[in-house]
Amino acid sequence: MGRVAVTAAEVGPRFPLYADPADGRWTTTGRGSWAGGFWAGLLWLRARYTGAESDRRAAAACTARLEAWAGADTATRGLIFWYGTAAAGDDAEAAALRARAARACLSACDPELGILPWGDALGGPRLLARVDAVPGTVPLLAGAGPDGAAAAAAHLHRHLDLCLGRPGTGTPWFRPALGFEPATGRWQPCADPPPGWSRGQAWLLLAVADAMLRPAAGADGPARLAEAATLLLTRGEVLTGPPVPPADTAHPGGPADTSAAAITAVALLKLARTQGPRAEQYALRAEEILDRLTRSHLTGDDGARPPGMLLDGCYDAAKVLAVRHELVWGDFFLALALSALHGVTDITRV
């Protein structure tokens, strides 16, 4: 929370994206891009923690600056508006903005494809199915009434069918992104991001965990979610691999990604709340990951850099972009997990 205060003073009305590991200075964006909701979410977590009215006003003002994204053609509105408002509690303006974004996303859903398309607001092809289009999007859509709940279930299960292989089918077990070809009517895997993208696996596990905490639409919903969770946990070596995975599991000697670890810890804390037979194991693994992050990757009060920086996050290994940096979404998920452990936040609702 101290780091959040320092960041807020530095960035002003802009949105932090990633910070230099040497001096902690942030690279910022004017509108927030796909990650803007995580900064708003961090400010709401600070307001919950301190109880200060000034912190609540700062969080509300930041959330209001996200409004321009409500009508943007991007499935990352799930990341922006769910995580940017869910920690706001009963704040009426945040709830109204979330509802507006949910209705806009529902209107943009493609019933023939069964998804909210990736969109073209951030550049590139519009008709994509990507795993980072699922977390946040499912609870956001589900808030738009019965039609929204049906669209949320369709969006989730279609992504599971496309992105996760089923045993015995001969398909790769994980495909983080696929493009739709209207001429053939088929989905084709994309080369970027690569199949070993650990943050992609973490994003999808988070989406599955969220869905398991909510009623699943369709008779096979709960069974499919359990199957998906098991596949991600086992093939992704979530419970047995290193607490902080490489950014690309195909290159274990490359950069790590602490943001993937923080997202995974939140997903495991959510899975532990489902009260399944392995709930205790999930909770213990989440705490093991958080222990590694805070002991080995968080800056201390040594004067060299601002304390509280979660280092060794990897924005994009292939482009060599911010490969050992502090990432705003890594900070958010670490803070969310810690706030849940300390009883500040109900992890089942954020």
Protein backbone atom coordinates (compact mmCIF):
# COMPACT_ATOMS: atom_id res chain seq x y z
CA MET A 1 0.00 0.00 0.00
CA GLY A 2 2.96 2.30 0.54
CA ARG A 3 4.07 1.62 -3.00
CA VAL A 4 0.58 2.50 -4.26
CA ALA A 5 0.83 5.88 -2.54
CA VAL A 6 4.26 6.58 -4.08
CA THR A 7 3.00 5.54 -7.51
CA ALA A 8 -0.09 7.73 -7.24
CA ALA A 9 2.06 10.76 -6.47
CA GLU A 10 4.33 10.01 -9.43
CA VAL A 11 1.77 9.27 -12.16
CA GLY A 12 -0.93 11.83 -11.32
CA PRO A 13 -3.89 11.46 -13.71
CA ARG A 14 -2.04 8.99 -15.94
CA PHE A 15 -2.04 5.20 -15.60
CA PRO A 16 1.08 3.21 -14.62
CA LEU A 17 1.97 0.29 -16.85
CA TYR A 18 5.44 -0.99 -15.93
CA ALA A 19 8.28 0.36 -13.81
CA ASP A 20 12.04 0.21 -14.32
CA PRO A 21 13.63 -2.29 -11.90
CA ALA A 22 16.63 0.00 -11.37
CA ASP A 23 14.88 3.11 -10.10
CA GLY A 24 11.14 2.33 -9.93
CA ARG A 25 10.10 4.98 -12.46
CA TRP A 26 6.88 4.13 -14.23
CA THR A 27 6.12 4.05 -17.93
CA THR A 28 2.58 5.39 -18.10
CA THR A 29 -0.33 5.70 -20.50
CA GLY A 30 -2.85 8.50 -20.78
CA ARG A 31 -5.97 6.31 -21.07
CA GLY A 32 -4.87 3.16 -19.29
CA SER A 33 -4.97 0.73 -22.23
CA TRP A 34 -6.01 -2.82 -21.29
CA ALA A 35 -4.30 -2.53 -17.88
CA GLY A 36 -6.01 0.61 -16.60
CA GLY A 37 -8.48 -1.28 -14.45
CA PHE A 38 -5.69 -2.75 -12.36
CA TRP A 39 -4.52 0.69 -11.29
CA ALA A 40 -8.06 1.67 -10.36
CA GLY A 41 -8.38 -1.66 -8.54
CA LEU A 42 -5.20 -1.00 -6.56
CA LEU A 43 -6.54 2.37 -5.50
CA TRP A 44 -9.79 0.74 -4.34
CA LEU A 45 -7.79 -1.84 -2.36
CA ARG A 46 -5.88 1.03 -0.73
CA ALA A 47 -9.17 2.76 0.13
CA ARG A 48 -10.44 -0.45 1.72
CA TYR A 49 -7.21 -0.84 3.66
CA THR A 50 -6.92 2.70 4.99
CA GLY A 51 -10.59 3.63 5.22
CA ALA A 52 -9.58 7.18 4.30
CA GLU A 53 -12.13 9.27 2.43
CA SER A 54 -9.34 10.90 0.40
CA ASP A 55 -8.24 7.45 -0.82
CA ARG A 56 -11.83 6.58 -1.76
CA ARG A 57 -12.12 9.80 -3.77
CA ALA A 58 -8.84 9.07 -5.56
CA ALA A 59 -10.04 5.57 -6.48
CA ALA A 60 -13.40 6.90 -7.70
CA ALA A 61 -11.73 9.58 -9.82
CA CYS A 62 -9.41 7.05 -11.43
CA THR A 63 -12.31 4.70 -12.16
CA ALA A 64 -14.25 7.52 -13.81
CA ARG A 65 -11.32 8.05 -16.19
CA LEU A 66 -11.89 4.53 -17.55
CA GLU A 67 -15.31 5.50 -18.92
CA ALA A 68 -14.05 6.01 -22.48
CA TRP A 69 -13.29 2.27 -22.71
CA ALA A 70 -16.90 1.21 -22.09
CA GLY A 71 -17.79 1.45 -25.78
CA ALA A 72 -14.41 0.38 -27.15
CA ASP A 73 -14.30 -2.73 -29.31
CA THR A 74 -12.17 -4.91 -27.07
CA ALA A 75 -12.78 -7.98 -24.93
CA THR A 76 -10.23 -6.58 -22.48
CA ARG A 77 -13.14 -4.55 -21.12
CA GLY A 78 -13.50 -7.52 -18.79
CA LEU A 79 -10.06 -6.81 -17.32
CA ILE A 80 -10.67 -3.06 -17.32
CA PHE A 81 -14.14 -2.84 -15.81
CA TRP A 82 -14.34 -5.89 -13.58
CA TYR A 83 -11.02 -5.43 -11.81
CA GLY A 84 -11.37 -1.66 -11.92
CA THR A 85 -14.69 -1.71 -10.05
CA ALA A 86 -15.16 -5.01 -8.19
CA ALA A 87 -13.16 -3.86 -5.15
CA ALA A 88 -15.22 -0.66 -4.98
CA GLY A 89 -17.89 -2.34 -2.87
CA ASP A 90 -21.14 -0.38 -2.81
CA ASP A 91 -19.80 2.69 -4.61
CA ALA A 92 -22.76 3.67 -6.80
CA GLU A 93 -20.79 5.36 -9.59
CA ALA A 94 -18.42 2.42 -9.98
CA ALA A 95 -21.37 0.03 -10.08
CA ALA A 96 -23.10 2.16 -12.73
CA LEU A 97 -19.99 2.22 -14.90
CA ARG A 98 -19.58 -1.56 -14.54
CA ALA A 99 -23.23 -2.05 -15.58
CA ARG A 100 -22.81 0.21 -18.60
CA ALA A 101 -19.71 -1.69 -19.71
CA ALA A 102 -21.51 -5.01 -19.19
CA ARG A 103 -24.40 -3.94 -21.43
CA ALA A 104 -21.97 -2.74 -24.10
CA CYS A 105 -20.10 -6.05 -24.01
CA LEU A 106 -23.37 -7.97 -24.25
CA SER A 107 -24.33 -5.98 -27.33
CA ALA A 108 -20.97 -6.80 -28.92
CA CYS A 109 -21.22 -10.57 -28.37
CA ASP A 110 -21.31 -12.67 -31.53
CA PRO A 111 -23.92 -15.43 -31.02
CA GLU A 112 -22.70 -17.38 -34.04
CA LEU A 113 -19.12 -17.54 -32.75
CA GLY A 114 -20.33 -17.89 -29.18
CA ILE A 115 -17.93 -15.28 -27.82
CA LEU A 116 -17.31 -11.62 -27.24
CA PRO A 117 -14.67 -11.17 -29.98
CA TRP A 118 -11.24 -9.85 -29.05
CA GLY A 119 -11.97 -6.66 -30.99
CA ASP A 120 -9.79 -4.21 -32.87
CA ALA A 121 -9.50 -1.31 -30.41
CA LEU A 122 -5.93 -2.33 -29.53
CA GLY A 123 -4.95 -3.12 -33.12
CA GLY A 124 -4.66 -6.39 -34.99
CA PRO A 125 -7.37 -8.84 -36.13
CA ARG A 126 -10.79 -8.51 -34.53
CA LEU A 127 -12.03 -12.10 -34.68
CA LEU A 128 -9.76 -13.66 -32.09
CA ALA A 129 -10.40 -15.92 -29.15
CA ARG A 130 -7.75 -15.25 -26.48
CA VAL A 131 -7.45 -16.54 -22.96
CA ASP A 132 -6.96 -13.00 -21.60
CA ALA A 133 -10.41 -12.17 -22.98
CA VAL A 134 -12.01 -14.46 -20.38
CA PRO A 135 -11.03 -13.35 -16.84
CA GLY A 136 -13.19 -10.45 -15.71
CA THR A 137 -15.34 -10.72 -18.83
CA VAL A 138 -17.38 -13.63 -17.47
CA PRO A 139 -18.44 -11.94 -14.18
CA LEU A 140 -18.86 -8.63 -16.03
CA LEU A 141 -21.27 -10.14 -18.57
CA ALA A 142 -23.04 -12.14 -15.88
CA GLY A 143 -24.05 -8.85 -14.28
CA ALA A 144 -26.13 -7.90 -17.34
CA GLY A 145 -29.19 -9.96 -16.42
CA PRO A 146 -30.25 -13.40 -17.72
CA ASP A 147 -29.06 -12.70 -21.26
CA GLY A 148 -25.73 -11.58 -19.87
CA ALA A 149 -25.39 -14.72 -17.78
CA ALA A 150 -26.07 -16.89 -20.85
CA ALA A 151 -23.53 -14.92 -22.89
CA ALA A 152 -20.98 -15.23 -20.09
CA ALA A 153 -21.37 -19.01 -19.99
CA ALA A 154 -21.15 -19.27 -23.78
CA HIS A 155 -18.05 -17.06 -23.87
CA LEU A 156 -16.29 -19.11 -21.20
CA HIS A 157 -17.13 -22.55 -22.52
CA ARG A 158 -16.34 -21.63 -26.11
CA HIS A 159 -12.90 -20.46 -25.02
CA LEU A 160 -12.38 -23.66 -23.05
CA ASP A 161 -13.29 -25.71 -26.10
CA LEU A 162 -10.95 -23.72 -28.34
CA CYS A 163 -8.02 -23.10 -26.02
CA LEU A 164 -7.81 -26.36 -24.10
CA GLY A 165 -7.29 -29.70 -25.80
CA ARG A 166 -9.21 -32.72 -24.60
CA PRO A 167 -7.37 -35.99 -23.90
CA GLY A 168 -7.32 -38.34 -26.86
CA THR A 169 -8.11 -35.70 -29.50
CA GLY A 170 -4.52 -35.12 -30.61
CA THR A 171 -4.75 -31.34 -30.18
CA PRO A 172 -2.20 -29.32 -28.14
CA TRP A 173 -3.24 -29.08 -24.53
CA PHE A 174 -3.07 -25.27 -24.47
CA ARG A 175 -3.58 -22.72 -27.23
CA PRO A 176 -3.70 -19.17 -25.84
CA ALA A 177 -5.03 -17.48 -29.00
CA LEU A 178 -6.89 -18.53 -32.12
CA GLY A 179 -8.12 -16.54 -35.10
CA PHE A 180 -11.36 -17.15 -36.95
CA GLU A 181 -11.19 -17.47 -40.74
CA PRO A 182 -14.57 -16.50 -42.23
CA ALA A 183 -13.70 -18.06 -45.59
CA THR A 184 -13.29 -21.52 -44.08
CA GLY A 185 -15.37 -21.11 -40.95
CA ARG A 186 -12.50 -22.50 -38.87
CA TRP A 187 -10.43 -21.36 -35.94
CA GLN A 188 -6.66 -21.45 -36.42
CA PRO A 189 -4.05 -21.18 -33.63
CA CYS A 190 -2.01 -17.97 -33.56
CA ALA A 191 1.76 -17.93 -33.23
CA ASP A 192 1.66 -15.06 -30.74
CA PRO A 193 1.34 -15.40 -27.82
CA PRO A 194 3.16 -18.76 -27.79
CA PRO A 195 1.69 -21.98 -26.31
CA GLY A 196 4.11 -21.76 -23.37
CA TRP A 197 2.84 -18.35 -22.26
CA SER A 198 2.56 -18.88 -18.51
CA ARG A 199 0.49 -15.77 -17.91
CA GLY A 200 -2.02 -17.08 -20.41
CA GLN A 201 -2.38 -20.28 -18.42
CA ALA A 202 -2.80 -18.20 -15.25
CA TRP A 203 -5.47 -16.00 -16.89
CA LEU A 204 -7.53 -19.01 -17.92
CA LEU A 205 -7.19 -20.69 -14.52
CA LEU A 206 -8.41 -17.48 -12.89
CA ALA A 207 -11.45 -17.39 -15.19
CA VAL A 208 -12.27 -21.02 -14.42
CA ALA A 209 -11.90 -20.45 -10.68
CA ASP A 210 -14.26 -17.47 -10.85
CA ALA A 211 -16.82 -19.52 -12.76
CA MET A 212 -16.63 -22.35 -10.23
CA LEU A 213 -17.66 -19.87 -7.54
CA ARG A 214 -20.76 -18.95 -9.54
CA PRO A 215 -23.62 -21.06 -10.96
CA ALA A 216 -22.53 -22.54 -14.30
CA ALA A 217 -25.00 -22.45 -17.18
CA GLY A 218 -25.68 -25.69 -19.00
CA ALA A 219 -25.98 -29.24 -17.73
CA ASP A 220 -22.31 -30.01 -18.37
CA GLY A 221 -21.05 -26.72 -16.92
CA PRO A 222 -19.66 -27.87 -13.55
CA ALA A 223 -18.10 -31.00 -15.02
CA ARG A 224 -16.40 -29.05 -17.82
CA LEU A 225 -15.06 -26.48 -15.38
CA ALA A 226 -13.65 -29.17 -13.12
CA GLU A 227 -12.02 -30.85 -16.11
CA ALA A 228 -10.50 -27.56 -17.26
CA ALA A 229 -9.19 -26.74 -13.78
CA THR A 230 -7.58 -30.17 -13.47
CA LEU A 231 -5.91 -29.85 -16.87
CA LEU A 232 -4.52 -26.40 -16.11
CA LEU A 233 -3.31 -27.45 -12.66
CA THR A 234 -1.63 -30.65 -13.84
CA ARG A 235 -0.29 -29.91 -17.31
CA GLY A 236 0.60 -26.40 -16.23
CA GLU A 237 2.45 -27.82 -13.19
CA VAL A 238 0.78 -25.24 -10.99
CA LEU A 239 1.07 -27.39 -7.87
CA THR A 240 4.43 -29.02 -8.58
CA GLY A 241 6.46 -26.55 -10.65
CA PRO A 242 8.45 -23.53 -9.46
CA PRO A 243 6.37 -20.99 -7.51
CA VAL A 244 7.37 -18.34 -10.06
CA PRO A 245 7.17 -19.79 -13.57
CA PRO A 246 9.19 -18.77 -16.62
CA ALA A 247 7.35 -16.31 -18.84
CA ASP A 248 7.45 -18.96 -21.58
CA THR A 249 7.51 -22.52 -20.27
CA ALA A 250 9.19 -23.61 -23.51
CA HIS A 251 12.21 -21.52 -22.45
CA PRO A 252 12.81 -22.33 -18.78
CA GLY A 253 16.10 -20.41 -18.81
CA GLY A 254 14.44 -17.20 -19.98
CA PRO A 255 12.80 -14.44 -17.95
CA ALA A 256 10.43 -15.37 -15.14
CA ASP A 257 7.02 -13.76 -14.70
CA THR A 258 6.01 -12.85 -11.17
CA SER A 259 2.73 -11.46 -12.49
CA ALA A 260 1.76 -14.94 -13.69
CA ALA A 261 2.57 -16.23 -10.20
CA ALA A 262 0.44 -13.55 -8.53
CA ILE A 263 -2.52 -14.26 -10.82
CA THR A 264 -2.14 -17.98 -10.10
CA ALA A 265 -2.10 -17.35 -6.35
CA VAL A 266 -5.42 -15.50 -6.58
CA ALA A 267 -6.89 -18.30 -8.70
CA LEU A 268 -5.79 -20.88 -6.14
CA LEU A 269 -7.29 -18.88 -3.27
CA LYS A 270 -10.56 -18.83 -5.20
CA LEU A 271 -10.38 -22.57 -5.89
CA ALA A 272 -9.78 -23.14 -2.19
CA ARG A 273 -13.11 -21.40 -1.50
CA THR A 274 -14.97 -23.93 -3.64
CA GLN A 275 -14.53 -26.40 -0.75
CA GLY A 276 -13.52 -29.29 -2.99
CA PRO A 277 -11.42 -32.22 -1.76
CA ARG A 278 -8.15 -30.39 -2.54
CA ALA A 279 -9.13 -27.00 -1.13
CA GLU A 280 -6.49 -27.10 1.61
CA GLN A 281 -3.78 -28.01 -0.90
CA TYR A 282 -4.78 -25.08 -3.11
CA ALA A 283 -4.66 -22.66 -0.18
CA LEU A 284 -1.25 -23.90 0.94
CA ARG A 285 0.16 -23.63 -2.57
CA ALA A 286 -1.18 -20.09 -2.88
CA GLU A 287 0.54 -19.13 0.35
CA GLU A 288 3.77 -20.79 -0.84
CA ILE A 289 3.68 -18.68 -4.01
CA LEU A 290 2.95 -15.50 -2.05
CA ASP A 291 5.78 -16.28 0.36
CA ARG A 292 8.21 -16.61 -2.56
CA LEU A 293 7.00 -13.38 -4.14
CA THR A 294 7.26 -11.32 -0.98
CA ARG A 295 10.57 -12.80 0.19
CA SER A 296 12.46 -12.99 -3.11
CA HIS A 297 10.92 -10.51 -5.55
CA LEU A 298 9.62 -7.57 -3.50
CA THR A 299 11.90 -4.61 -2.89
CA GLY A 300 12.59 -3.68 0.70
CA ASP A 301 13.29 -0.40 2.46
CA ASP A 302 16.97 -0.24 1.55
CA GLY A 303 16.96 3.24 0.01
CA ALA A 304 18.07 2.09 -3.45
CA ARG A 305 14.55 1.77 -4.85
CA PRO A 306 11.03 2.41 -3.60
CA PRO A 307 9.92 -0.41 -1.28
CA GLY A 308 7.05 -2.64 -2.31
CA MET A 309 7.97 -3.11 -5.99
CA LEU A 310 7.11 -6.59 -7.28
CA LEU A 311 10.04 -7.15 -9.64
CA ASP A 312 10.71 -9.80 -12.30
CA GLY A 313 7.45 -9.41 -14.13
CA CYS A 314 7.60 -10.01 -17.87
CA TYR A 315 5.37 -7.92 -20.12
CA ASP A 316 6.40 -9.55 -23.43
CA ALA A 317 9.37 -11.90 -23.67
CA ALA A 318 9.23 -12.26 -27.47
CA LYS A 319 9.46 -8.49 -27.98
CA VAL A 320 11.95 -8.09 -25.11
CA LEU A 321 9.57 -5.54 -23.61
CA ALA A 322 9.78 -4.94 -19.84
CA VAL A 323 11.07 -8.44 -19.13
CA ARG A 324 12.21 -7.96 -15.52
CA HIS A 325 10.00 -5.11 -14.45
CA GLU A 326 7.32 -4.19 -11.98
CA LEU A 327 3.96 -4.61 -13.73
CA VAL A 328 0.81 -2.89 -12.53
CA TRP A 329 -1.30 -6.05 -12.85
CA GLY A 330 1.31 -8.04 -10.93
CA ASP A 331 1.07 -5.48 -8.12
CA PHE A 332 -2.72 -5.67 -8.22
CA PHE A 333 -2.99 -9.44 -7.93
CA LEU A 334 -0.32 -9.61 -5.22
CA ALA A 335 -2.19 -6.92 -3.25
CA LEU A 336 -5.52 -8.68 -3.84
CA ALA A 337 -4.18 -12.00 -2.58
CA LEU A 338 -2.59 -10.43 0.50
CA SER A 339 -5.73 -8.42 1.24
CA ALA A 340 -7.73 -11.65 1.12
CA LEU A 341 -5.36 -13.38 3.54
CA HIS A 342 -5.67 -10.43 5.92
CA GLY A 343 -9.46 -10.29 5.71
CA VAL A 344 -9.58 -6.94 3.93
CA THR A 345 -11.19 -8.35 0.78
CA ASP A 346 -13.59 -11.22 0.06
CA ILE A 347 -11.70 -13.08 -2.67
CA THR A 348 -14.91 -14.65 -3.96
CA ARG A 349 -16.30 -11.25 -4.96
CA VAL A 350 -13.27 -9.60 -6.65
